[in-house]
Amino acid sequence: MSDRLKFLQPAFRATVRAVLTVAIVAVAAVLVLDLWKIYMRAPWTRDGRVRVHVAAIAPEVSGTVVSVPVLDNQYVHKGDLLYQIDPRRYRYELAQAEARVAGAREDMRLRMSDAERRRGLGGIVSAEEQERFNSTAQTAQAELDSALAARDVAAYNLDHTTLRAPFDGWVTNLLLRVGDYASAGSPRISLIDAHSFWIYAYFEETKLHGVRVGDPARIVLMGYRPVLTGHVESIARGINDQNGLSDRLGLQDVNPVFTWVRLAQRIPVHVAIDRVPDGIVLAAGMTCSVAVGAEAADDHHPHGRVLTWLEDNL
């Protein structure tokens, strides 16, 4: 009996090893398959970009720059001075406009007085002459209105020799210097809106089915470990179709493709940022990974843990 048990022990051990091997391989296959499904179908992407609103600050008047009190990459508050254009010429123009207003007002007073005096003479003054004086008074009123409008324009121009920050933000790519000539309508300084950062996440069309407006989003910047939270603000409804372009002759330009290979197009998804952890410096153009959905955004959910692993190791 003992000899028989000794004979069966190696066979039993071999069977156990085989069963364990098959079980381990099966579990590994299931895990790999689940990982592959998450990788291929879950709404996540490593192709995300930090975006921001940038205002190109252009003067409404032309002139020589006499003051630039800000520095490149400096944070400024709404209303802070960005730069000053020489105001002297515009002060002179305002003084001239005010003088014209005074002259036009006095001229109108005299002409209105003449018209009133003629009306008081009754039948002594002919109707034609009375009409002429009334017309002259109305012309004087129009000239006064024109002078007042010109004065307002001069005051407006003088006020706009001072350019101030329209919102809180950072001065960027500052190349303006004292002595430069600023032309009306030509931007000379750019300002990044401090409260306008968002993410453009480019999702493959095969993963877009899992993205809905309002879904929570998990954002991981390439250079930081802490997680940013956000939500889907909107989904783009169109991208450029290269096959729809025309050549110089007006003929449609159709790109050659391999019929057995189809590359998924990437659709921009606007992701609003809800919370930024302390210590993170956001800059437009930074890259990030974005996962969308309650499961993907939850680090305690299996999908969330898998996506975290993918973000850390791919």
C-alpha atoms as a PDB file:
ATOM      1  CA  MET A   1       0.000   0.000   0.000  1.00  0.00           C
ATOM      2  CA  SER A   2       2.808   2.325   0.895  1.00  0.00           C
ATOM      3  CA  ASP A   3       4.516   1.520  -2.397  1.00  0.00           C
ATOM      4  CA  ARG A   4       1.342   2.472  -4.236  1.00  0.00           C
ATOM      5  CA  LEU A   5       1.116   5.798  -2.369  1.00  0.00           C
ATOM      6  CA  LYS A   6       4.701   6.499  -3.179  1.00  0.00           C
ATOM      7  CA  PHE A   7       3.884   5.823  -6.816  1.00  0.00           C
ATOM      8  CA  LEU A   8       0.869   8.168  -6.770  1.00  0.00           C
ATOM      9  CA  GLN A   9       2.576  11.082  -5.023  1.00  0.00           C
ATOM     10  CA  PRO A  10       4.652  12.236  -8.039  1.00  0.00           C
ATOM     11  CA  ALA A  11       1.613  11.941 -10.291  1.00  0.00           C
ATOM     12  CA  PHE A  12      -0.500  13.911  -7.808  1.00  0.00           C
ATOM     13  CA  ARG A  13       2.094  16.624  -7.505  1.00  0.00           C
ATOM     14  CA  ALA A  14       2.359  16.835 -11.285  1.00  0.00           C
ATOM     15  CA  THR A  15      -1.422  17.116 -11.553  1.00  0.00           C
ATOM     16  CA  VAL A  16      -1.524  19.854  -8.918  1.00  0.00           C
ATOM     17  CA  ARG A  17       1.243  21.758 -10.668  1.00  0.00           C
ATOM     18  CA  ALA A  18      -0.571  21.455 -13.977  1.00  0.00           C
ATOM     19  CA  VAL A  19      -3.867  22.633 -12.466  1.00  0.00           C
ATOM     20  CA  LEU A  20      -2.179  25.557 -10.734  1.00  0.00           C
ATOM     21  CA  THR A  21      -0.364  26.493 -13.928  1.00  0.00           C
ATOM     22  CA  VAL A  22      -3.576  26.400 -15.933  1.00  0.00           C
ATOM     23  CA  ALA A  23      -5.377  28.428 -13.244  1.00  0.00           C
ATOM     24  CA  ILE A  24      -2.629  31.038 -13.123  1.00  0.00           C
ATOM     25  CA  VAL A  25      -2.547  31.282 -16.902  1.00  0.00           C
ATOM     26  CA  ALA A  26      -6.350  31.568 -17.010  1.00  0.00           C
ATOM     27  CA  VAL A  27      -6.407  34.291 -14.358  1.00  0.00           C
ATOM     28  CA  ALA A  28      -3.584  36.114 -16.112  1.00  0.00           C
ATOM     29  CA  ALA A  29      -5.426  35.825 -19.419  1.00  0.00           C
ATOM     30  CA  VAL A  30      -8.599  37.224 -17.861  1.00  0.00           C
ATOM     31  CA  LEU A  31      -6.669  40.090 -16.284  1.00  0.00           C
ATOM     32  CA  VAL A  32      -4.845  40.862 -19.516  1.00  0.00           C
ATOM     33  CA  LEU A  33      -8.121  40.719 -21.454  1.00  0.00           C
ATOM     34  CA  ASP A  34      -9.792  43.039 -18.936  1.00  0.00           C
ATOM     35  CA  LEU A  35      -6.789  45.350 -19.065  1.00  0.00           C
ATOM     36  CA  TRP A  36      -6.939  45.347 -22.855  1.00  0.00           C
ATOM     37  CA  LYS A  37     -10.659  46.129 -22.829  1.00  0.00           C
ATOM     38  CA  ILE A  38     -10.111  49.026 -20.437  1.00  0.00           C
ATOM     39  CA  TYR A  39      -7.196  50.279 -22.504  1.00  0.00           C
ATOM     40  CA  MET A  40      -9.136  50.072 -25.761  1.00  0.00           C
ATOM     41  CA  ARG A  41     -12.673  51.006 -24.707  1.00  0.00           C
ATOM     42  CA  ALA A  42     -12.571  53.024 -21.479  1.00  0.00           C
ATOM     43  CA  PRO A  43     -13.002  56.790 -21.977  1.00  0.00           C
ATOM     44  CA  TRP A  44      -9.458  57.914 -21.258  1.00  0.00           C
ATOM     45  CA  THR A  45      -6.674  59.522 -23.256  1.00  0.00           C
ATOM     46  CA  ARG A  46      -3.070  60.559 -22.788  1.00  0.00           C
ATOM     47  CA  ASP A  47      -3.504  63.241 -25.447  1.00  0.00           C
ATOM     48  CA  GLY A  48      -4.675  66.167 -23.336  1.00  0.00           C
ATOM     49  CA  ARG A  49      -3.538  69.776 -23.497  1.00  0.00           C
ATOM     50  CA  VAL A  50      -3.882  72.606 -21.004  1.00  0.00           C
ATOM     51  CA  ARG A  51      -5.522  75.600 -22.649  1.00  0.00           C
ATOM     52  CA  VAL A  52      -6.174  79.149 -21.489  1.00  0.00           C
ATOM     53  CA  HIS A  53      -7.730  82.388 -22.705  1.00  0.00           C
ATOM     54  CA  VAL A  54      -5.147  84.919 -23.855  1.00  0.00           C
ATOM     55  CA  ALA A  55      -5.990  88.563 -24.548  1.00  0.00           C
ATOM     56  CA  ALA A  56      -3.845  90.449 -27.043  1.00  0.00           C
ATOM     57  CA  ILE A  57      -3.886  93.940 -25.557  1.00  0.00           C
ATOM     58  CA  ALA A  58      -3.876  96.527 -28.356  1.00  0.00           C
ATOM     59  CA  PRO A  59      -4.079 100.306 -27.913  1.00  0.00           C
ATOM     60  CA  GLU A  60      -6.939 102.290 -29.398  1.00  0.00           C
ATOM     61  CA  VAL A  61      -4.647 105.267 -30.008  1.00  0.00           C
ATOM     62  CA  SER A  62      -1.150 105.580 -31.461  1.00  0.00           C
ATOM     63  CA  GLY A  63       1.882 107.092 -29.818  1.00  0.00           C
ATOM     64  CA  THR A  64       5.248 106.610 -28.170  1.00  0.00           C
ATOM     65  CA  VAL A  65       5.375 104.338 -25.136  1.00  0.00           C
ATOM     66  CA  VAL A  66       6.603 106.313 -22.116  1.00  0.00           C
ATOM     67  CA  SER A  67       6.101 103.784 -19.318  1.00  0.00           C
ATOM     68  CA  VAL A  68       6.079  99.970 -18.984  1.00  0.00           C
ATOM     69  CA  PRO A  69       5.840  99.190 -15.254  1.00  0.00           C
ATOM     70  CA  VAL A  70       5.275  95.421 -15.660  1.00  0.00           C
ATOM     71  CA  LEU A  71       7.745  92.581 -16.180  1.00  0.00           C
ATOM     72  CA  ASP A  72       7.539  89.458 -18.297  1.00  0.00           C
ATOM     73  CA  ASN A  73       5.527  86.680 -16.570  1.00  0.00           C
ATOM     74  CA  GLN A  74       4.411  89.098 -13.849  1.00  0.00           C
ATOM     75  CA  TYR A  75       1.036  88.532 -12.197  1.00  0.00           C
ATOM     76  CA  VAL A  76      -1.224  91.576 -12.403  1.00  0.00           C
ATOM     77  CA  HIS A  77      -4.641  92.363 -11.017  1.00  0.00           C
ATOM     78  CA  LYS A  78      -7.576  93.786 -12.928  1.00  0.00           C
ATOM     79  CA  GLY A  79      -7.040  97.521 -13.364  1.00  0.00           C
ATOM     80  CA  ASP A  80      -3.252  97.467 -12.936  1.00  0.00           C
ATOM     81  CA  LEU A  81      -1.280  99.650 -15.350  1.00  0.00           C
ATOM     82  CA  LEU A  82       0.309  97.716 -18.216  1.00  0.00           C
ATOM     83  CA  TYR A  83       1.835 100.561 -20.195  1.00  0.00           C
ATOM     84  CA  GLN A  84       1.384 104.248 -20.913  1.00  0.00           C
ATOM     85  CA  ILE A  85       1.386 106.058 -24.269  1.00  0.00           C
ATOM     86  CA  ASP A  86       2.615 109.665 -24.352  1.00  0.00           C
ATOM     87  CA  PRO A  87      -0.579 111.620 -23.529  1.00  0.00           C
ATOM     88  CA  ARG A  88       0.606 115.148 -24.386  1.00  0.00           C
ATOM     89  CA  ARG A  89      -0.762 115.304 -27.928  1.00  0.00           C
ATOM     90  CA  TYR A  90      -4.117 113.983 -26.735  1.00  0.00           C
ATOM     91  CA  ARG A  91      -4.239 116.553 -23.939  1.00  0.00           C
ATOM     92  CA  TYR A  92      -3.724 119.292 -26.530  1.00  0.00           C
ATOM     93  CA  GLU A  93      -6.481 117.826 -28.709  1.00  0.00           C
ATOM     94  CA  LEU A  94      -8.824 117.737 -25.720  1.00  0.00           C
ATOM     95  CA  ALA A  95      -8.024 121.376 -24.900  1.00  0.00           C
ATOM     96  CA  GLN A  96      -8.754 122.351 -28.517  1.00  0.00           C
ATOM     97  CA  ALA A  97     -12.017 120.428 -28.437  1.00  0.00           C
ATOM     98  CA  GLU A  98     -13.078 122.137 -25.208  1.00  0.00           C
ATOM     99  CA  ALA A  99     -12.273 125.535 -26.744  1.00  0.00           C
ATOM    100  CA  ARG A 100     -14.425 124.692 -29.770  1.00  0.00           C
ATOM    101  CA  VAL A 101     -17.242 123.683 -27.447  1.00  0.00           C
ATOM    102  CA  ALA A 102     -17.011 127.022 -25.645  1.00  0.00           C
ATOM    103  CA  GLY A 103     -17.053 128.911 -28.964  1.00  0.00           C
ATOM    104  CA  ALA A 104     -19.935 126.870 -30.341  1.00  0.00           C
ATOM    105  CA  ARG A 105     -21.918 127.328 -27.137  1.00  0.00           C
ATOM    106  CA  GLU A 106     -21.448 131.111 -27.238  1.00  0.00           C
ATOM    107  CA  ASP A 107     -22.336 131.244 -30.945  1.00  0.00           C
ATOM    108  CA  MET A 108     -25.481 129.241 -30.314  1.00  0.00           C
ATOM    109  CA  ARG A 109     -26.453 131.532 -27.429  1.00  0.00           C
ATOM    110  CA  LEU A 110     -26.154 134.601 -29.664  1.00  0.00           C
ATOM    111  CA  ARG A 111     -28.082 133.043 -32.539  1.00  0.00           C
ATOM    112  CA  MET A 112     -30.824 131.778 -30.256  1.00  0.00           C
ATOM    113  CA  SER A 113     -31.063 135.251 -28.719  1.00  0.00           C
ATOM    114  CA  ASP A 114     -31.377 136.808 -32.183  1.00  0.00           C
ATOM    115  CA  ALA A 115     -34.107 134.371 -33.125  1.00  0.00           C
ATOM    116  CA  GLU A 116     -36.031 135.080 -29.909  1.00  0.00           C
ATOM    117  CA  ARG A 117     -35.700 138.836 -30.417  1.00  0.00           C
ATOM    118  CA  ARG A 118     -37.025 138.580 -33.980  1.00  0.00           C
ATOM    119  CA  ARG A 119     -39.984 136.548 -32.779  1.00  0.00           C
ATOM    120  CA  GLY A 120     -40.721 139.255 -30.189  1.00  0.00           C
ATOM    121  CA  LEU A 121     -40.998 141.932 -32.890  1.00  0.00           C
ATOM    122  CA  GLY A 122     -44.166 140.350 -34.200  1.00  0.00           C
ATOM    123  CA  GLY A 123     -45.286 141.596 -37.621  1.00  0.00           C
ATOM    124  CA  ILE A 124     -42.316 143.921 -38.070  1.00  0.00           C
ATOM    125  CA  VAL A 125     -40.173 140.950 -39.177  1.00  0.00           C
ATOM    126  CA  SER A 126     -41.250 139.014 -42.215  1.00  0.00           C
ATOM    127  CA  ALA A 127     -41.955 135.300 -41.924  1.00  0.00           C
ATOM    128  CA  GLU A 128     -39.122 134.552 -44.345  1.00  0.00           C
ATOM    129  CA  GLU A 129     -36.607 136.460 -42.240  1.00  0.00           C
ATOM    130  CA  GLN A 130     -37.874 134.812 -39.065  1.00  0.00           C
ATOM    131  CA  GLU A 131     -37.430 131.404 -40.683  1.00  0.00           C
ATOM    132  CA  ARG A 132     -33.865 132.307 -41.635  1.00  0.00           C
ATOM    133  CA  PHE A 133     -32.989 133.236 -38.042  1.00  0.00           C
ATOM    134  CA  ASN A 134     -34.598 130.063 -36.725  1.00  0.00           C
ATOM    135  CA  SER A 135     -32.583 128.011 -39.210  1.00  0.00           C
ATOM    136  CA  THR A 136     -29.391 129.786 -38.164  1.00  0.00           C
ATOM    137  CA  ALA A 137     -30.130 128.984 -34.517  1.00  0.00           C
ATOM    138  CA  GLN A 138     -30.719 125.318 -35.360  1.00  0.00           C
ATOM    139  CA  THR A 139     -27.433 125.204 -37.279  1.00  0.00           C
ATOM    140  CA  ALA A 140     -25.652 126.660 -34.259  1.00  0.00           C
ATOM    141  CA  GLN A 141     -27.205 123.949 -32.079  1.00  0.00           C
ATOM    142  CA  ALA A 142     -25.978 121.257 -34.487  1.00  0.00           C
ATOM    143  CA  GLU A 143     -22.476 122.761 -34.462  1.00  0.00           C
ATOM    144  CA  LEU A 144     -22.493 122.698 -30.670  1.00  0.00           C
ATOM    145  CA  ASP A 145     -23.581 119.056 -30.659  1.00  0.00           C
ATOM    146  CA  SER A 146     -20.753 118.257 -33.089  1.00  0.00           C
ATOM    147  CA  ALA A 147     -18.235 120.089 -30.898  1.00  0.00           C
ATOM    148  CA  LEU A 148     -19.453 118.211 -27.826  1.00  0.00           C
ATOM    149  CA  ALA A 149     -19.071 114.883 -29.647  1.00  0.00           C
ATOM    150  CA  ALA A 150     -15.554 115.846 -30.772  1.00  0.00           C
ATOM    151  CA  ARG A 151     -14.702 116.744 -27.181  1.00  0.00           C
ATOM    152  CA  ASP A 152     -15.967 113.345 -25.991  1.00  0.00           C
ATOM    153  CA  VAL A 153     -13.799 111.611 -28.602  1.00  0.00           C
ATOM    154  CA  ALA A 154     -10.761 113.630 -27.508  1.00  0.00           C
ATOM    155  CA  ALA A 155     -11.416 112.754 -23.864  1.00  0.00           C
ATOM    156  CA  TYR A 156     -11.853 109.098 -24.816  1.00  0.00           C
ATOM    157  CA  ASN A 157      -8.548 109.084 -26.711  1.00  0.00           C
ATOM    158  CA  LEU A 158      -6.727 110.709 -23.808  1.00  0.00           C
ATOM    159  CA  ASP A 159      -8.168 108.196 -21.375  1.00  0.00           C
ATOM    160  CA  HIS A 160      -7.015 105.314 -23.595  1.00  0.00           C
ATOM    161  CA  THR A 161      -3.378 106.379 -23.612  1.00  0.00           C
ATOM    162  CA  THR A 162      -3.300 104.390 -20.370  1.00  0.00           C
ATOM    163  CA  LEU A 163      -3.709 100.640 -20.887  1.00  0.00           C
ATOM    164  CA  ARG A 164      -4.778  98.604 -17.874  1.00  0.00           C
ATOM    165  CA  ALA A 165      -5.292  94.904 -17.257  1.00  0.00           C
ATOM    166  CA  PRO A 166      -8.884  93.877 -18.113  1.00  0.00           C
ATOM    167  CA  PHE A 167      -8.677  90.902 -15.717  1.00  0.00           C
ATOM    168  CA  ASP A 168      -6.353  89.125 -13.293  1.00  0.00           C
ATOM    169  CA  GLY A 169      -3.597  87.270 -15.079  1.00  0.00           C
ATOM    170  CA  TRP A 170      -0.001  86.940 -16.165  1.00  0.00           C
ATOM    171  CA  VAL A 171       1.867  89.137 -18.609  1.00  0.00           C
ATOM    172  CA  THR A 172       3.499  86.870 -21.179  1.00  0.00           C
ATOM    173  CA  ASN A 173       6.060  87.243 -23.951  1.00  0.00           C
ATOM    174  CA  LEU A 174       6.647  90.893 -23.080  1.00  0.00           C
ATOM    175  CA  LEU A 175       8.703  92.564 -25.811  1.00  0.00           C
ATOM    176  CA  LEU A 176       7.436  96.127 -25.347  1.00  0.00           C
ATOM    177  CA  ARG A 177       9.960  98.729 -24.214  1.00  0.00           C
ATOM    178  CA  VAL A 178       9.908 102.417 -23.363  1.00  0.00           C
ATOM    179  CA  GLY A 179      10.426 104.382 -26.573  1.00  0.00           C
ATOM    180  CA  ASP A 180       8.620 101.890 -28.810  1.00  0.00           C
ATOM    181  CA  TYR A 181       5.892 103.272 -31.046  1.00  0.00           C
ATOM    182  CA  ALA A 182       2.494 101.717 -30.444  1.00  0.00           C
ATOM    183  CA  SER A 183       0.027 101.747 -33.334  1.00  0.00           C
ATOM    184  CA  ALA A 184      -3.709 101.697 -32.788  1.00  0.00           C
ATOM    185  CA  GLY A 185      -5.122  98.203 -33.213  1.00  0.00           C
ATOM    186  CA  SER A 186      -1.739  96.437 -33.127  1.00  0.00           C
ATOM    187  CA  PRO A 187      -1.295  94.179 -30.057  1.00  0.00           C
ATOM    188  CA  ARG A 188       1.831  94.985 -28.070  1.00  0.00           C
ATOM    189  CA  ILE A 189       1.318  92.876 -24.956  1.00  0.00           C
ATOM    190  CA  SER A 190      -0.437  89.572 -24.144  1.00  0.00           C
ATOM    191  CA  LEU A 191      -2.237  88.731 -20.926  1.00  0.00           C
ATOM    192  CA  ILE A 192      -3.155  85.214 -19.745  1.00  0.00           C
ATOM    193  CA  ASP A 193      -6.462  85.048 -17.878  1.00  0.00           C
ATOM    194  CA  ALA A 194      -5.669  83.477 -14.496  1.00  0.00           C
ATOM    195  CA  HIS A 195      -9.196  82.095 -14.099  1.00  0.00           C
ATOM    196  CA  SER A 196      -9.677  80.554 -17.540  1.00  0.00           C
ATOM    197  CA  PHE A 197      -7.570  77.359 -17.578  1.00  0.00           C
ATOM    198  CA  TRP A 198      -9.231  74.301 -19.055  1.00  0.00           C
ATOM    199  CA  ILE A 199      -8.275  71.033 -20.744  1.00  0.00           C
ATOM    200  CA  TYR A 200      -8.729  69.969 -24.345  1.00  0.00           C
ATOM    201  CA  ALA A 201      -8.724  66.163 -24.238  1.00  0.00           C
ATOM    202  CA  TYR A 202      -8.537  64.467 -27.631  1.00  0.00           C
ATOM    203  CA  PHE A 203     -10.497  61.204 -27.394  1.00  0.00           C
ATOM    204  CA  GLU A 204     -10.444  58.526 -30.057  1.00  0.00           C
ATOM    205  CA  GLU A 205     -13.839  58.163 -31.655  1.00  0.00           C
ATOM    206  CA  THR A 206     -13.995  54.546 -30.430  1.00  0.00           C
ATOM    207  CA  LYS A 207     -13.963  55.843 -26.839  1.00  0.00           C
ATOM    208  CA  LEU A 208     -16.304  58.772 -27.315  1.00  0.00           C
ATOM    209  CA  HIS A 209     -19.394  56.667 -26.568  1.00  0.00           C
ATOM    210  CA  GLY A 210     -18.472  56.749 -22.887  1.00  0.00           C
ATOM    211  CA  VAL A 211     -18.164  60.532 -22.689  1.00  0.00           C
ATOM    212  CA  ARG A 212     -21.135  62.645 -21.629  1.00  0.00           C
ATOM    213  CA  VAL A 213     -21.442  66.330 -20.811  1.00  0.00           C
ATOM    214  CA  GLY A 214     -21.257  66.702 -17.032  1.00  0.00           C
ATOM    215  CA  ASP A 215     -19.263  63.501 -16.442  1.00  0.00           C
ATOM    216  CA  PRO A 216     -16.525  63.798 -13.792  1.00  0.00           C
ATOM    217  CA  ALA A 217     -12.974  63.835 -15.093  1.00  0.00           C
ATOM    218  CA  ARG A 218      -9.652  62.784 -13.604  1.00  0.00           C
ATOM    219  CA  ILE A 219      -6.678  64.805 -14.849  1.00  0.00           C
ATOM    220  CA  VAL A 220      -3.011  63.942 -14.334  1.00  0.00           C
ATOM    221  CA  LEU A 221      -0.397  66.348 -15.643  1.00  0.00           C
ATOM    222  CA  MET A 222       2.731  64.853 -17.156  1.00  0.00           C
ATOM    223  CA  GLY A 223       5.043  66.651 -14.737  1.00  0.00           C
ATOM    224  CA  TYR A 224       3.018  66.190 -11.518  1.00  0.00           C
ATOM    225  CA  ARG A 225       1.711  63.300  -9.431  1.00  0.00           C
ATOM    226  CA  PRO A 226      -1.291  64.978  -7.733  1.00  0.00           C
ATOM    227  CA  VAL A 227      -4.651  64.509  -9.454  1.00  0.00           C
ATOM    228  CA  LEU A 228      -6.743  67.419 -10.728  1.00  0.00           C
ATOM    229  CA  THR A 229     -10.502  67.026 -10.844  1.00  0.00           C
ATOM    230  CA  GLY A 230     -12.877  68.433 -13.429  1.00  0.00           C
ATOM    231  CA  HIS A 231     -15.909  67.686 -15.545  1.00  0.00           C
ATOM    232  CA  VAL A 232     -16.832  67.480 -19.213  1.00  0.00           C
ATOM    233  CA  GLU A 233     -17.969  70.917 -20.353  1.00  0.00           C
ATOM    234  CA  SER A 234     -18.687  70.166 -24.016  1.00  0.00           C
ATOM    235  CA  ILE A 235     -17.848  67.869 -26.921  1.00  0.00           C
ATOM    236  CA  ALA A 236     -16.723  69.156 -30.310  1.00  0.00           C
ATOM    237  CA  ARG A 237     -19.159  68.502 -33.136  1.00  0.00           C
ATOM    238  CA  GLY A 238     -16.714  68.575 -36.015  1.00  0.00           C
ATOM    239  CA  ILE A 239     -13.092  68.182 -37.079  1.00  0.00           C
ATOM    240  CA  ASN A 240     -11.342  68.886 -40.347  1.00  0.00           C
ATOM    241  CA  ASP A 241     -11.745  66.296 -43.111  1.00  0.00           C
ATOM    242  CA  GLN A 242      -8.602  66.171 -45.226  1.00  0.00           C
ATOM    243  CA  ASN A 243     -10.518  64.455 -48.032  1.00  0.00           C
ATOM    244  CA  GLY A 244     -12.810  67.459 -48.331  1.00  0.00           C
ATOM    245  CA  LEU A 245     -10.059  69.847 -49.413  1.00  0.00           C
ATOM    246  CA  SER A 246      -9.648  70.983 -53.000  1.00  0.00           C
ATOM    247  CA  ASP A 247      -6.491  71.539 -54.989  1.00  0.00           C
ATOM    248  CA  ARG A 248      -5.617  74.673 -56.978  1.00  0.00           C
ATOM    249  CA  LEU A 249      -7.816  73.490 -59.858  1.00  0.00           C
ATOM    250  CA  GLY A 250     -10.833  73.014 -57.617  1.00  0.00           C
ATOM    251  CA  LEU A 251     -10.660  69.222 -57.726  1.00  0.00           C
ATOM    252  CA  GLN A 252     -11.232  67.237 -54.561  1.00  0.00           C
ATOM    253  CA  ASP A 253      -8.029  65.949 -52.998  1.00  0.00           C
ATOM    254  CA  VAL A 254      -8.554  62.370 -51.758  1.00  0.00           C
ATOM    255  CA  ASN A 255      -5.782  60.866 -49.645  1.00  0.00           C
ATOM    256  CA  PRO A 256      -4.783  57.231 -50.335  1.00  0.00           C
ATOM    257  CA  VAL A 257      -5.546  54.843 -47.453  1.00  0.00           C
ATOM    258  CA  PHE A 258      -5.037  51.183 -46.611  1.00  0.00           C
ATOM    259  CA  THR A 259      -8.492  49.662 -46.703  1.00  0.00           C
ATOM    260  CA  TRP A 260      -7.618  47.056 -44.065  1.00  0.00           C
ATOM    261  CA  VAL A 261      -6.360  49.655 -41.577  1.00  0.00           C
ATOM    262  CA  ARG A 262      -8.596  52.374 -40.161  1.00  0.00           C
ATOM    263  CA  LEU A 263      -7.187  54.876 -37.706  1.00  0.00           C
ATOM    264  CA  ALA A 264      -9.621  56.262 -35.153  1.00  0.00           C
ATOM    265  CA  GLN A 265     -10.032  60.017 -35.424  1.00  0.00           C
ATOM    266  CA  ARG A 266      -9.510  62.148 -32.320  1.00  0.00           C
ATOM    267  CA  ILE A 267     -12.357  64.381 -31.178  1.00  0.00           C
ATOM    268  CA  PRO A 268     -11.688  67.394 -28.913  1.00  0.00           C
ATOM    269  CA  VAL A 269     -13.517  67.325 -25.577  1.00  0.00           C
ATOM    270  CA  HIS A 270     -13.601  70.479 -23.441  1.00  0.00           C
ATOM    271  CA  VAL A 271     -12.892  69.556 -19.811  1.00  0.00           C
ATOM    272  CA  ALA A 272     -13.397  72.239 -17.164  1.00  0.00           C
ATOM    273  CA  ILE A 273     -11.000  72.175 -14.204  1.00  0.00           C
ATOM    274  CA  ASP A 274     -12.798  72.135 -10.840  1.00  0.00           C
ATOM    275  CA  ARG A 275      -9.897  71.744  -8.405  1.00  0.00           C
ATOM    276  CA  VAL A 276      -6.146  72.248  -8.660  1.00  0.00           C
ATOM    277  CA  PRO A 277      -4.027  70.870  -5.783  1.00  0.00           C
ATOM    278  CA  ASP A 278      -1.610  73.204  -4.067  1.00  0.00           C
ATOM    279  CA  GLY A 279       1.843  73.418  -5.578  1.00  0.00           C
ATOM    280  CA  ILE A 280       0.799  72.796  -9.177  1.00  0.00           C
ATOM    281  CA  VAL A 281       1.805  75.425 -11.716  1.00  0.00           C
ATOM    282  CA  LEU A 282      -0.537  75.400 -14.709  1.00  0.00           C
ATOM    283  CA  ALA A 283       0.777  76.609 -18.040  1.00  0.00           C
ATOM    284  CA  ALA A 284      -0.934  76.583 -21.413  1.00  0.00           C
ATOM    285  CA  GLY A 285       0.437  73.817 -23.615  1.00  0.00           C
ATOM    286  CA  MET A 286       1.167  71.328 -20.826  1.00  0.00           C
ATOM    287  CA  THR A 287       0.271  67.705 -21.586  1.00  0.00           C
ATOM    288  CA  CYS A 288      -1.903  65.503 -19.415  1.00  0.00           C
ATOM    289  CA  SER A 289      -3.878  62.278 -19.208  1.00  0.00           C
ATOM    290  CA  VAL A 290      -7.649  62.497 -18.815  1.00  0.00           C
ATOM    291  CA  ALA A 291     -10.074  59.795 -17.674  1.00  0.00           C
ATOM    292  CA  VAL A 292     -13.824  60.440 -17.812  1.00  0.00           C
ATOM    293  CA  GLY A 293     -16.634  58.817 -15.867  1.00  0.00           C
ATOM    294  CA  ALA A 294     -17.359  58.005 -12.226  1.00  0.00           C
ATOM    295  CA  GLU A 295     -15.491  54.674 -12.382  1.00  0.00           C
ATOM    296  CA  ALA A 296     -12.466  56.020 -14.216  1.00  0.00           C
ATOM    297  CA  ALA A 297     -12.197  59.064 -11.969  1.00  0.00           C
ATOM    298  CA  ASP A 298     -12.360  56.956  -8.766  1.00  0.00           C
ATOM    299  CA  ASP A 299      -8.941  55.719  -7.619  1.00  0.00           C
ATOM    300  CA  HIS A 300     -10.623  53.048  -5.458  1.00  0.00           C
ATOM    301  CA  HIS A 301     -12.530  51.493  -8.358  1.00  0.00           C
ATOM    302  CA  PRO A 302     -10.751  48.739 -10.344  1.00  0.00           C
ATOM    303  CA  HIS A 303     -11.044  50.736 -13.557  1.00  0.00           C
ATOM    304  CA  GLY A 304      -9.609  53.773 -11.829  1.00  0.00           C
ATOM    305  CA  ARG A 305      -6.688  51.762 -10.470  1.00  0.00           C
ATOM    306  CA  VAL A 306      -6.002  50.248 -13.881  1.00  0.00           C
ATOM    307  CA  LEU A 307      -6.029  53.656 -15.554  1.00  0.00           C
ATOM    308  CA  THR A 308      -3.733  54.996 -12.849  1.00  0.00           C
ATOM    309  CA  TRP A 309      -1.319  52.164 -13.585  1.00  0.00           C
ATOM    310  CA  LEU A 310      -1.522  52.850 -17.310  1.00  0.00           C
ATOM    311  CA  GLU A 311      -0.846  56.547 -16.760  1.00  0.00           C
ATOM    312  CA  ASP A 312       2.163  55.760 -14.586  1.00  0.00           C
ATOM    313  CA  ASN A 313       3.709  53.124 -16.840  1.00  0.00           C
ATOM    314  CA  LEU A 314       2.918  54.102 -20.433  1.00  0.00           C
END
